[in-house]
N, C-alpha and C. Protein backbone atom coordinates (compact mmCIF):
# COMPACT_ATOMS: atom_id res chain seq x y z
N ALA A 1 8.91 26.09 18.16
CA ALA A 1 7.84 25.18 17.29
C ALA A 1 7.02 24.68 18.33
N ILE A 2 5.61 24.51 17.90
CA ILE A 2 4.79 23.51 18.62
C ILE A 2 4.22 22.46 17.95
N THR A 3 4.22 21.50 18.29
CA THR A 3 3.36 20.40 17.64
C THR A 3 2.40 19.62 18.61
N ALA A 4 1.16 19.57 18.00
CA ALA A 4 0.16 18.78 18.79
C ALA A 4 -1.08 18.42 17.86
N GLY A 5 -1.01 17.26 17.59
CA GLY A 5 -2.11 16.77 16.80
C GLY A 5 -1.84 17.24 15.23
N GLY A 6 -0.62 17.27 15.00
CA GLY A 6 -0.49 17.70 13.48
C GLY A 6 -0.10 19.39 13.58
N LEU A 7 -0.53 19.75 14.31
CA LEU A 7 -0.28 21.42 14.26
C LEU A 7 1.16 21.94 14.43
N PHE A 8 1.57 22.62 13.32
CA PHE A 8 3.06 23.16 13.63
C PHE A 8 2.98 24.33 13.38
N VAL A 9 3.73 25.25 14.40
CA VAL A 9 4.00 26.73 14.09
C VAL A 9 5.43 27.03 14.09
N ALA A 10 6.24 27.43 13.05
CA ALA A 10 7.47 27.63 13.24
C ALA A 10 7.96 28.72 14.19
N ASN A 11 7.34 29.71 14.52
CA ASN A 11 7.61 30.82 15.54
C ASN A 11 6.45 31.13 16.22
N MET A 12 6.32 30.76 17.60
CA MET A 12 5.13 30.99 18.55
C MET A 12 5.00 32.35 18.91
N ARG A 13 6.28 33.19 18.72
CA ARG A 13 6.12 34.49 19.29
C ARG A 13 5.29 35.28 18.57
N ARG A 14 4.56 36.26 19.09
CA ARG A 14 3.65 37.08 18.46
C ARG A 14 2.81 36.33 17.55
N HIS A 15 2.14 35.31 18.04
CA HIS A 15 1.23 34.52 17.45
C HIS A 15 0.03 34.37 18.05
N VAL A 16 -1.27 34.06 17.41
CA VAL A 16 -2.54 33.84 18.15
C VAL A 16 -3.15 32.69 17.51
N PHE A 17 -3.72 31.84 18.71
CA PHE A 17 -4.36 30.68 18.54
C PHE A 17 -5.97 30.58 18.76
N HIS A 18 -6.59 30.33 17.76
CA HIS A 18 -8.06 30.20 17.91
C HIS A 18 -8.56 28.66 18.17
N GLY A 19 -9.09 28.37 19.04
CA GLY A 19 -9.78 27.31 19.34
C GLY A 19 -9.89 27.09 21.03
N THR A 20 -10.16 25.72 21.21
CA THR A 20 -10.48 25.57 22.58
C THR A 20 -9.21 25.52 23.69
N VAL A 21 -9.60 26.15 24.73
CA VAL A 21 -8.68 26.33 25.99
C VAL A 21 -9.10 25.59 26.99
N VAL A 22 -8.41 25.02 27.61
CA VAL A 22 -8.76 23.97 28.82
C VAL A 22 -7.75 24.45 29.87
N ARG A 23 -8.32 25.12 31.07
CA ARG A 23 -7.42 25.42 32.18
C ARG A 23 -8.29 25.54 33.54
N PHE A 24 -7.28 25.81 34.56
CA PHE A 24 -7.87 25.71 35.67
C PHE A 24 -8.16 27.16 36.13
N ASN A 25 -9.23 27.96 36.46
CA ASN A 25 -9.21 29.17 37.10
C ASN A 25 -8.70 29.32 38.51
N LYS A 26 -8.91 30.69 38.80
CA LYS A 26 -8.22 31.06 40.08
C LYS A 26 -8.94 30.24 41.27
N ALA A 27 -10.16 29.93 40.94
CA ALA A 27 -10.72 29.20 42.16
C ALA A 27 -10.50 27.54 41.86
N LYS A 28 -9.71 27.25 41.28
CA LYS A 28 -9.12 26.01 40.89
C LYS A 28 -10.11 24.89 40.29
N SER A 29 -11.17 25.58 39.67
CA SER A 29 -12.39 24.91 38.86
C SER A 29 -11.85 24.49 37.37
N LEU A 30 -12.18 23.53 36.77
CA LEU A 30 -11.66 23.28 35.50
C LEU A 30 -12.33 24.20 34.60
N GLU A 31 -11.96 24.91 33.69
CA GLU A 31 -12.57 25.70 32.74
C GLU A 31 -12.57 25.28 31.24
N ILE A 32 -13.35 25.26 30.42
CA ILE A 32 -13.35 24.81 28.97
C ILE A 32 -13.95 25.94 28.18
N LEU A 33 -12.71 26.80 27.65
CA LEU A 33 -13.54 28.01 27.00
C LEU A 33 -13.35 27.61 25.28
N LYS A 34 -14.52 27.48 24.86
CA LYS A 34 -14.82 27.53 23.41
C LYS A 34 -14.50 28.64 22.64
N ASP A 35 -14.05 28.53 21.28
CA ASP A 35 -14.03 29.81 20.60
C ASP A 35 -13.11 30.61 21.21
N ALA A 36 -11.84 30.49 21.82
CA ALA A 36 -11.12 31.08 22.59
C ALA A 36 -9.94 31.33 21.58
N LEU A 37 -9.46 32.80 21.91
CA LEU A 37 -8.20 33.30 21.28
C LEU A 37 -6.80 33.39 22.27
N LEU A 38 -5.89 32.85 22.11
CA LEU A 38 -4.83 32.75 22.76
C LEU A 38 -3.63 33.40 22.51
N GLY A 39 -3.22 34.53 22.74
CA GLY A 39 -2.08 35.31 22.14
C GLY A 39 -0.83 35.30 22.98
N VAL A 40 0.32 34.93 21.93
CA VAL A 40 1.68 34.79 22.65
C VAL A 40 2.36 36.15 22.07
N GLY A 41 3.03 36.58 23.20
CA GLY A 41 3.55 38.03 22.89
C GLY A 41 5.04 37.82 22.53
N ALA A 42 5.56 38.68 22.12
CA ALA A 42 7.27 38.63 21.74
C ALA A 42 8.09 38.04 22.70
N ASP A 43 7.89 38.26 23.73
CA ASP A 43 8.65 37.64 24.81
C ASP A 43 8.47 36.16 25.09
N GLY A 44 7.53 35.48 24.08
CA GLY A 44 7.14 34.10 24.33
C GLY A 44 6.20 33.69 25.44
N LYS A 45 5.61 34.84 26.09
CA LYS A 45 4.55 34.55 26.97
C LYS A 45 3.36 34.68 26.64
N ILE A 46 2.10 34.10 27.32
CA ILE A 46 0.77 34.40 26.79
C ILE A 46 0.44 35.78 27.32
N ALA A 47 0.05 36.68 26.30
CA ALA A 47 -0.40 38.04 26.43
C ALA A 47 -1.91 38.07 26.60
N PHE A 48 -2.70 37.18 26.22
CA PHE A 48 -4.08 37.24 26.49
C PHE A 48 -4.63 35.79 26.30
N VAL A 49 -5.91 35.63 26.75
CA VAL A 49 -6.90 34.68 26.41
C VAL A 49 -8.19 35.29 26.45
N ASP A 50 -8.81 35.45 25.42
CA ASP A 50 -10.33 36.03 25.36
C ASP A 50 -11.09 35.22 24.23
N ASN A 51 -12.42 35.79 24.07
CA ASN A 51 -13.15 35.15 22.93
C ASN A 51 -13.03 35.77 21.64
N ILE A 52 -13.27 34.73 20.52
CA ILE A 52 -13.08 35.26 19.51
C ILE A 52 -13.90 36.41 19.10
N SER A 53 -15.28 36.60 19.74
CA SER A 53 -16.04 37.63 19.74
C SER A 53 -15.45 39.03 19.87
N ASN A 54 -14.40 39.34 20.54
CA ASN A 54 -13.45 40.19 20.91
C ASN A 54 -12.18 40.56 19.66
N VAL A 55 -12.28 39.69 18.81
CA VAL A 55 -10.98 39.95 17.84
C VAL A 55 -10.73 41.14 17.58
N ALA A 56 -11.57 42.03 16.96
CA ALA A 56 -11.45 43.29 16.46
C ALA A 56 -10.56 44.07 17.26
N ALA A 57 -11.14 44.07 18.69
CA ALA A 57 -10.41 45.12 19.66
C ALA A 57 -9.15 44.40 20.25
N LEU A 58 -9.10 43.07 19.90
CA LEU A 58 -7.78 42.42 20.33
C LEU A 58 -6.81 42.86 19.23
N LYS A 59 -6.97 42.69 18.02
CA LYS A 59 -6.10 43.07 16.87
C LYS A 59 -5.69 44.50 17.05
N SER A 60 -6.56 45.43 17.43
CA SER A 60 -6.28 46.76 17.65
C SER A 60 -5.24 46.74 18.84
N ARG A 61 -5.55 46.07 19.70
CA ARG A 61 -4.63 46.50 21.07
C ARG A 61 -3.42 45.79 20.89
N TYR A 62 -3.33 44.75 20.28
CA TYR A 62 -1.92 43.95 20.29
C TYR A 62 -1.38 43.86 18.94
N GLY A 63 -1.92 44.67 17.94
CA GLY A 63 -1.33 44.86 16.57
C GLY A 63 -0.99 43.64 15.75
N PHE A 64 -2.03 42.49 15.60
CA PHE A 64 -1.65 41.29 15.14
C PHE A 64 -2.74 41.26 13.98
N GLY A 65 -2.45 40.53 12.82
CA GLY A 65 -3.32 40.67 11.66
C GLY A 65 -3.56 38.76 11.55
N ASP A 66 -4.61 38.60 10.34
CA ASP A 66 -4.99 37.19 10.09
C ASP A 66 -3.90 36.33 9.98
N SER A 67 -2.72 36.90 9.23
CA SER A 67 -1.75 36.00 8.94
C SER A 67 -0.94 35.36 10.06
N ALA A 68 -1.19 36.26 11.47
CA ALA A 68 -0.70 35.85 12.68
C ALA A 68 -1.34 34.79 13.39
N MET A 69 -2.61 34.37 12.77
CA MET A 69 -3.55 33.31 13.52
C MET A 69 -3.44 31.77 13.04
N THR A 70 -3.64 31.02 14.10
CA THR A 70 -3.57 29.60 13.54
C THR A 70 -4.96 29.09 14.22
N LYS A 71 -5.93 28.50 13.19
CA LYS A 71 -7.11 27.98 13.84
C LYS A 71 -6.98 26.43 14.25
N LEU A 72 -7.27 26.03 15.35
CA LEU A 72 -7.03 24.51 15.71
C LEU A 72 -8.29 23.88 15.23
N SER A 73 -8.10 22.38 15.01
CA SER A 73 -9.24 21.63 14.52
C SER A 73 -10.06 21.52 15.66
N LYS A 74 -11.28 20.69 15.56
CA LYS A 74 -12.09 20.47 16.28
C LYS A 74 -11.59 19.52 17.36
N PHE A 75 -10.61 18.76 16.85
CA PHE A 75 -9.92 17.58 17.70
C PHE A 75 -8.81 18.17 18.47
N GLN A 76 -8.47 19.44 18.39
CA GLN A 76 -7.29 20.01 19.00
C GLN A 76 -7.78 20.64 20.38
N PHE A 77 -6.80 21.24 21.19
CA PHE A 77 -7.15 22.12 22.48
C PHE A 77 -5.96 22.56 22.75
N MET A 78 -5.86 23.72 23.74
CA MET A 78 -4.72 24.12 24.34
C MET A 78 -4.86 24.00 25.81
N MET A 79 -3.80 23.75 26.46
CA MET A 79 -4.04 23.36 27.79
C MET A 79 -2.27 23.71 28.61
N PRO A 80 -2.37 24.23 29.77
CA PRO A 80 -1.18 24.26 30.49
C PRO A 80 -0.20 23.17 30.23
N GLY A 81 1.14 23.35 30.09
CA GLY A 81 2.01 22.08 30.05
C GLY A 81 2.09 21.48 31.18
N LEU A 82 2.37 19.99 31.08
CA LEU A 82 2.39 19.01 31.93
C LEU A 82 3.77 19.33 32.78
N ILE A 83 3.82 18.93 34.09
CA ILE A 83 4.88 18.72 35.01
C ILE A 83 5.39 17.44 35.26
N ASP A 84 6.40 16.92 34.91
CA ASP A 84 7.10 15.66 35.61
C ASP A 84 8.15 15.95 36.75
N CYS A 85 7.77 15.27 37.85
CA CYS A 85 8.53 15.48 38.82
C CYS A 85 9.70 14.56 39.24
N HIS A 86 10.01 13.66 38.34
CA HIS A 86 10.71 12.68 38.58
C HIS A 86 10.97 11.96 37.23
N ALA A 87 11.97 12.13 36.28
CA ALA A 87 12.33 11.40 35.14
C ALA A 87 13.85 11.07 34.99
N HIS A 88 14.16 9.70 34.74
CA HIS A 88 15.27 9.42 34.51
C HIS A 88 15.68 9.37 33.02
N ALA A 89 16.22 10.40 32.56
CA ALA A 89 16.44 10.72 31.23
C ALA A 89 17.13 9.60 30.45
N PRO A 90 18.36 9.33 31.03
CA PRO A 90 19.02 8.19 30.25
C PRO A 90 18.50 6.63 30.18
N GLN A 91 17.31 6.60 31.03
CA GLN A 91 16.50 5.23 30.95
C GLN A 91 15.26 5.32 29.73
N TYR A 92 15.46 6.47 28.81
CA TYR A 92 14.62 6.45 27.97
C TYR A 92 14.58 5.33 27.02
N CYS A 93 15.67 4.95 26.86
CA CYS A 93 15.86 3.71 25.56
C CYS A 93 15.53 2.51 26.30
N ASN A 94 15.10 2.50 27.68
CA ASN A 94 14.68 1.01 28.20
C ASN A 94 13.35 1.20 28.39
N CYS A 95 12.52 2.08 27.85
CA CYS A 95 10.88 2.12 28.43
C CYS A 95 10.50 0.89 27.75
N GLY A 96 9.67 0.11 28.69
CA GLY A 96 8.94 -1.14 28.48
C GLY A 96 9.84 -2.33 28.49
N LEU A 97 11.17 -2.17 28.82
CA LEU A 97 12.12 -3.25 28.86
C LEU A 97 12.04 -3.98 30.29
N GLY A 98 12.29 -5.10 30.62
CA GLY A 98 12.49 -5.75 31.79
C GLY A 98 11.12 -5.81 32.91
N THR A 99 10.29 -5.98 32.41
CA THR A 99 9.06 -5.88 33.23
C THR A 99 8.76 -7.27 34.11
N ASP A 100 9.71 -8.11 33.52
CA ASP A 100 9.57 -9.18 34.34
C ASP A 100 10.80 -9.45 35.48
N ARG A 101 11.42 -8.48 35.46
CA ARG A 101 12.48 -8.34 36.49
C ARG A 101 12.14 -7.42 37.77
N GLU A 102 12.71 -8.01 38.90
CA GLU A 102 12.48 -7.06 40.30
C GLU A 102 13.43 -5.80 39.90
N LEU A 103 13.45 -4.98 40.76
CA LEU A 103 14.00 -3.49 40.51
C LEU A 103 15.55 -3.74 40.53
N LEU A 104 15.91 -4.59 41.54
CA LEU A 104 17.81 -4.64 41.58
C LEU A 104 18.09 -5.48 40.29
N GLN A 105 17.38 -6.44 40.00
CA GLN A 105 17.78 -7.33 38.57
C GLN A 105 17.59 -6.15 37.57
N TRP A 106 16.47 -5.46 37.41
CA TRP A 106 16.38 -4.54 36.44
C TRP A 106 17.65 -3.63 36.35
N LEU A 107 18.01 -2.98 37.41
CA LEU A 107 18.94 -2.01 37.40
C LEU A 107 20.34 -2.81 36.76
N THR A 108 20.72 -4.03 37.36
CA THR A 108 21.78 -4.50 36.99
C THR A 108 21.64 -5.04 35.47
N THR A 109 20.73 -5.52 35.06
CA THR A 109 20.65 -6.07 33.71
C THR A 109 20.47 -5.23 32.67
N TYR A 110 19.60 -4.06 32.83
CA TYR A 110 19.27 -2.97 32.00
C TYR A 110 19.72 -1.66 32.21
N THR A 111 19.71 -1.00 33.10
CA THR A 111 19.68 0.30 33.67
C THR A 111 21.25 0.76 33.64
N PHE A 112 22.17 -0.13 34.39
CA PHE A 112 23.34 0.61 34.63
C PHE A 112 24.17 0.22 33.32
N PRO A 113 24.00 -0.85 32.53
CA PRO A 113 24.70 -0.87 31.30
C PRO A 113 24.41 0.27 30.30
N GLU A 114 23.11 0.75 30.24
CA GLU A 114 22.55 1.53 29.40
C GLU A 114 23.13 3.14 30.00
N GLU A 115 23.28 3.42 31.20
CA GLU A 115 23.81 4.46 31.71
C GLU A 115 25.22 4.73 31.57
N ARG A 116 26.07 3.39 31.53
CA ARG A 116 27.19 3.48 31.18
C ARG A 116 27.56 4.09 29.97
N LYS A 117 26.78 4.10 28.96
CA LYS A 117 27.08 4.28 27.55
C LYS A 117 27.26 6.13 27.38
N PHE A 118 26.67 6.79 28.61
CA PHE A 118 26.63 8.24 28.38
C PHE A 118 27.96 8.83 28.84
N ALA A 119 29.00 8.06 29.10
CA ALA A 119 30.39 8.27 29.21
C ALA A 119 30.95 8.94 27.68
N ASP A 120 30.12 8.42 26.70
CA ASP A 120 30.33 8.90 25.21
C ASP A 120 29.49 10.34 25.14
N ILE A 121 30.05 11.49 25.03
CA ILE A 121 29.18 12.68 24.90
C ILE A 121 28.24 12.54 23.61
N GLU A 122 28.69 11.92 22.47
CA GLU A 122 28.08 11.98 21.45
C GLU A 122 26.71 11.20 21.53
N TYR A 123 26.92 10.10 22.01
CA TYR A 123 25.78 9.29 22.51
C TYR A 123 24.78 9.98 23.32
N ALA A 124 25.45 10.69 24.35
CA ALA A 124 24.42 11.29 25.35
C ALA A 124 23.81 12.48 24.62
N ARG A 125 24.23 13.21 23.81
CA ARG A 125 23.73 14.29 23.20
C ARG A 125 22.48 13.67 22.42
N LYS A 126 22.75 12.44 21.63
CA LYS A 126 21.82 12.02 20.64
C LYS A 126 20.68 11.60 21.44
N ILE A 127 20.84 11.00 22.45
CA ILE A 127 19.67 10.31 23.19
C ILE A 127 18.88 11.43 24.18
N TYR A 128 19.66 12.50 24.67
CA TYR A 128 18.99 13.45 25.65
C TYR A 128 18.39 14.47 24.48
N ASP A 129 18.69 14.60 23.16
CA ASP A 129 18.03 15.19 22.17
C ASP A 129 16.63 14.77 21.99
N ARG A 130 16.37 13.30 21.86
CA ARG A 130 15.44 12.90 21.75
C ARG A 130 14.31 12.85 22.82
N VAL A 131 15.08 12.75 24.21
CA VAL A 131 14.27 12.66 25.34
C VAL A 131 13.49 14.02 25.33
N VAL A 132 14.47 15.01 25.26
CA VAL A 132 13.53 16.50 25.51
C VAL A 132 12.76 16.68 24.49
N ARG A 133 12.89 16.34 23.45
CA ARG A 133 11.83 16.59 22.20
C ARG A 133 10.45 15.74 22.39
N ARG A 134 10.85 14.56 22.89
CA ARG A 134 9.70 13.64 23.11
C ARG A 134 8.93 14.13 24.36
N PHE A 135 9.54 14.71 25.42
CA PHE A 135 8.63 15.24 26.49
C PHE A 135 7.84 16.50 26.09
N LEU A 136 8.56 17.32 25.25
CA LEU A 136 7.68 18.44 24.82
C LEU A 136 6.82 18.25 23.75
N LYS A 137 6.77 17.13 22.84
CA LYS A 137 6.02 16.74 22.08
C LYS A 137 4.69 16.08 22.63
N ASN A 138 4.81 15.52 23.76
CA ASN A 138 3.78 15.03 24.79
C ASN A 138 3.28 16.22 25.77
N GLY A 139 3.82 17.33 25.46
CA GLY A 139 3.29 18.45 26.35
C GLY A 139 3.57 18.54 27.85
N THR A 140 4.80 17.93 27.86
CA THR A 140 5.47 18.33 29.21
C THR A 140 6.53 19.16 29.15
N THR A 141 6.27 20.48 29.66
CA THR A 141 6.97 21.66 29.59
C THR A 141 8.05 21.58 30.63
N THR A 142 7.91 21.05 31.84
CA THR A 142 8.80 21.22 32.88
C THR A 142 9.00 19.51 33.42
N VAL A 143 10.30 19.59 33.88
CA VAL A 143 10.79 18.09 34.08
C VAL A 143 11.84 18.53 35.11
N SER A 144 11.76 17.35 36.14
CA SER A 144 12.84 17.31 36.89
C SER A 144 13.64 16.23 36.52
N TYR A 145 14.67 16.27 35.79
CA TYR A 145 15.53 15.12 35.22
C TYR A 145 16.65 14.80 36.10
N PHE A 146 16.73 13.27 36.17
CA PHE A 146 17.96 12.78 36.70
C PHE A 146 18.70 12.27 35.48
N ALA A 147 20.02 12.57 35.50
CA ALA A 147 21.02 12.36 34.50
C ALA A 147 21.80 11.18 34.87
N THR A 148 23.04 11.02 34.53
CA THR A 148 23.92 10.00 34.97
C THR A 148 25.24 10.36 35.95
N ILE A 149 26.42 9.79 36.00
CA ILE A 149 27.30 10.23 36.89
C ILE A 149 28.19 10.97 36.13
N HIS A 150 27.87 11.11 34.73
CA HIS A 150 29.02 11.85 33.84
C HIS A 150 28.61 13.30 33.57
N VAL A 151 29.69 14.22 34.03
CA VAL A 151 29.41 15.38 34.02
C VAL A 151 29.11 16.16 32.70
N GLU A 152 29.87 15.85 31.77
CA GLU A 152 29.72 16.25 30.34
C GLU A 152 28.25 15.81 29.93
N ALA A 153 27.84 14.69 30.13
CA ALA A 153 26.47 14.31 29.42
C ALA A 153 25.42 15.16 30.33
N SER A 154 25.63 15.22 31.55
CA SER A 154 24.54 15.96 32.62
C SER A 154 24.41 17.55 31.94
N LEU A 155 25.57 18.02 31.85
CA LEU A 155 25.65 19.31 31.18
C LEU A 155 24.89 19.53 29.91
N ALA A 156 25.15 18.34 28.82
CA ALA A 156 24.52 18.38 27.66
C ALA A 156 23.09 18.17 27.54
N LEU A 157 22.43 17.65 28.85
CA LEU A 157 20.98 17.30 28.93
C LEU A 157 20.57 18.85 29.50
N ALA A 158 21.30 19.56 30.17
CA ALA A 158 20.69 20.88 30.69
C ALA A 158 20.85 21.76 29.34
N HIS A 159 21.83 21.81 28.59
CA HIS A 159 21.89 22.87 27.48
C HIS A 159 20.80 22.48 26.66
N LEU A 160 20.47 21.22 26.38
CA LEU A 160 19.41 20.87 25.38
C LEU A 160 17.91 21.10 26.02
N CYS A 161 17.76 21.17 27.20
CA CYS A 161 16.52 21.79 27.71
C CYS A 161 16.24 23.17 27.32
N ALA A 162 17.51 23.86 27.72
CA ALA A 162 17.44 25.35 27.50
C ALA A 162 17.25 25.84 25.80
N GLN A 163 17.88 24.77 25.17
CA GLN A 163 17.90 25.11 23.62
C GLN A 163 16.39 24.91 23.09
N TYR A 164 15.81 23.95 23.70
CA TYR A 164 14.39 23.83 23.45
C TYR A 164 13.25 24.43 24.10
N GLY A 165 13.77 25.24 24.98
CA GLY A 165 12.79 25.85 25.82
C GLY A 165 12.00 25.35 26.94
N GLN A 166 12.56 24.23 27.18
CA GLN A 166 11.89 23.21 28.26
C GLN A 166 12.22 23.50 29.67
N ARG A 167 11.66 24.05 30.83
CA ARG A 167 12.08 24.41 32.09
C ARG A 167 12.20 23.05 32.64
N ALA A 168 13.54 23.08 33.39
CA ALA A 168 13.93 21.79 33.93
C ALA A 168 14.73 21.90 35.06
N PHE A 169 14.75 21.17 36.11
CA PHE A 169 15.76 20.81 36.91
C PHE A 169 16.61 19.64 36.51
N VAL A 170 17.95 19.79 36.34
CA VAL A 170 18.69 18.64 35.84
C VAL A 170 19.71 18.25 37.03
N GLY A 171 19.75 17.03 37.20
CA GLY A 171 20.79 16.64 38.39
C GLY A 171 21.76 15.61 37.97
N LYS A 172 22.90 15.85 38.26
CA LYS A 172 24.01 14.77 37.93
C LYS A 172 23.85 13.87 39.08
N VAL A 173 23.83 12.60 38.79
CA VAL A 173 23.55 11.51 39.74
C VAL A 173 24.97 11.36 40.29
N ASN A 174 25.09 10.86 41.73
CA ASN A 174 26.08 10.61 42.33
C ASN A 174 26.15 9.17 42.99
N MET A 175 27.21 8.44 42.49
CA MET A 175 26.97 7.11 42.92
C MET A 175 28.34 6.34 43.38
N ASP A 176 28.56 6.23 44.66
CA ASP A 176 29.93 5.63 45.13
C ASP A 176 29.83 4.45 45.92
N ARG A 177 28.69 3.91 45.66
CA ARG A 177 28.61 2.35 46.08
C ARG A 177 27.11 1.83 45.34
N ASN A 178 26.99 0.33 45.81
CA ASN A 178 25.78 -0.33 45.58
C ASN A 178 25.68 -0.09 43.92
N ALA A 179 26.80 -0.34 43.13
CA ALA A 179 26.65 -0.24 41.78
C ALA A 179 27.70 -1.00 41.13
N PRO A 180 27.67 -1.57 39.90
CA PRO A 180 28.92 -2.41 39.34
C PRO A 180 30.01 -1.72 39.31
N ASP A 181 31.14 -2.01 39.21
CA ASP A 181 32.34 -1.67 39.09
C ASP A 181 32.56 -0.45 38.04
N PHE A 182 31.77 -0.84 36.83
CA PHE A 182 32.07 -0.02 35.81
C PHE A 182 31.29 1.24 35.80
N TYR A 183 30.31 1.40 36.87
CA TYR A 183 29.32 2.44 36.97
C TYR A 183 29.41 2.89 38.52
N VAL A 184 30.55 3.22 38.84
CA VAL A 184 30.62 3.57 40.36
C VAL A 184 31.81 4.93 40.33
N GLU A 185 31.50 5.73 41.20
CA GLU A 185 32.53 6.82 41.28
C GLU A 185 33.36 6.82 42.55
N LYS A 186 34.27 7.50 42.61
CA LYS A 186 35.11 7.64 44.00
C LYS A 186 34.48 9.06 44.56
N THR A 187 34.26 8.62 45.94
CA THR A 187 33.53 9.83 46.66
C THR A 187 34.10 11.55 46.45
N ASP A 188 35.58 11.58 46.43
CA ASP A 188 36.00 12.81 46.14
C ASP A 188 35.91 13.31 44.70
N GLU A 189 36.20 12.38 43.91
CA GLU A 189 35.47 12.79 42.37
C GLU A 189 34.16 13.03 42.23
N SER A 190 33.40 12.20 42.80
CA SER A 190 32.06 12.79 42.54
C SER A 190 31.64 14.11 43.19
N LEU A 191 32.26 14.38 44.27
CA LEU A 191 32.10 15.85 44.91
C LEU A 191 32.61 16.58 44.06
N ALA A 192 33.73 16.64 43.40
CA ALA A 192 34.66 17.64 42.67
C ALA A 192 33.78 17.75 41.38
N ASP A 193 33.18 16.60 40.96
CA ASP A 193 32.20 16.75 39.56
C ASP A 193 31.09 17.49 39.66
N THR A 194 30.61 17.19 40.87
CA THR A 194 29.24 17.79 41.19
C THR A 194 29.23 19.36 41.38
N GLU A 195 30.51 19.92 42.05
CA GLU A 195 30.60 21.34 42.15
C GLU A 195 30.94 21.80 40.96
N ARG A 196 31.70 21.11 39.87
CA ARG A 196 31.84 21.54 38.73
C ARG A 196 30.43 21.73 37.88
N PHE A 197 29.58 20.95 38.01
CA PHE A 197 28.38 20.92 37.28
C PHE A 197 27.53 21.87 37.71
N ILE A 198 27.61 22.21 39.04
CA ILE A 198 26.83 23.42 39.54
C ILE A 198 27.53 24.71 39.02
N ARG A 199 28.60 24.86 38.90
CA ARG A 199 29.28 26.14 38.36
C ARG A 199 28.94 26.42 37.01
N ASP A 200 29.15 25.31 36.09
CA ASP A 200 28.76 25.45 34.73
C ASP A 200 27.53 25.80 34.48
N ILE A 201 26.35 25.00 35.40
CA ILE A 201 24.98 25.35 35.22
C ILE A 201 24.84 26.97 35.45
N GLN A 202 25.54 27.42 36.32
CA GLN A 202 25.16 28.64 36.81
C GLN A 202 25.58 29.63 35.80
């Protein structure tokens, strides 16, 4: 599904969008294509980007009809997905909190107590589900996520990314020092958990 300014399409595969496309061309110059058609193939990948004036030829070539087309409003446009290279997924609940604290105070007061909760796999799934869906809703289709020290929760985040079709690097956090006693690992256990995390992801 895709949501953008109120647009909802239950199945994007074999679908065509009509509207404005904003992209960078091969010369790395910004292009704004008005009255464009963007076609998504059965594999979920972009099959073509063309002008509406060529719709008859495109229908013939790709075998779609008017029922497979969605017209965007004048306030909507399509663009490549955004990429976030550094996101702490378990800190989602802390957005906007503790702006009066220095980093170490912020970690101790807000972050470590929140991340501790991710030992509860049901809590982790609930929060990570919101995280992935919010990133996608905001147009971020690729993310490098930091999870927590908890293996099951970290795996849950990876599975949710796959479930929702978000490209992601997911990392289990390793912490055997410089943290409260309730949020620290033994080094050998941290290594073993990390190896298990890698095996399960593969």
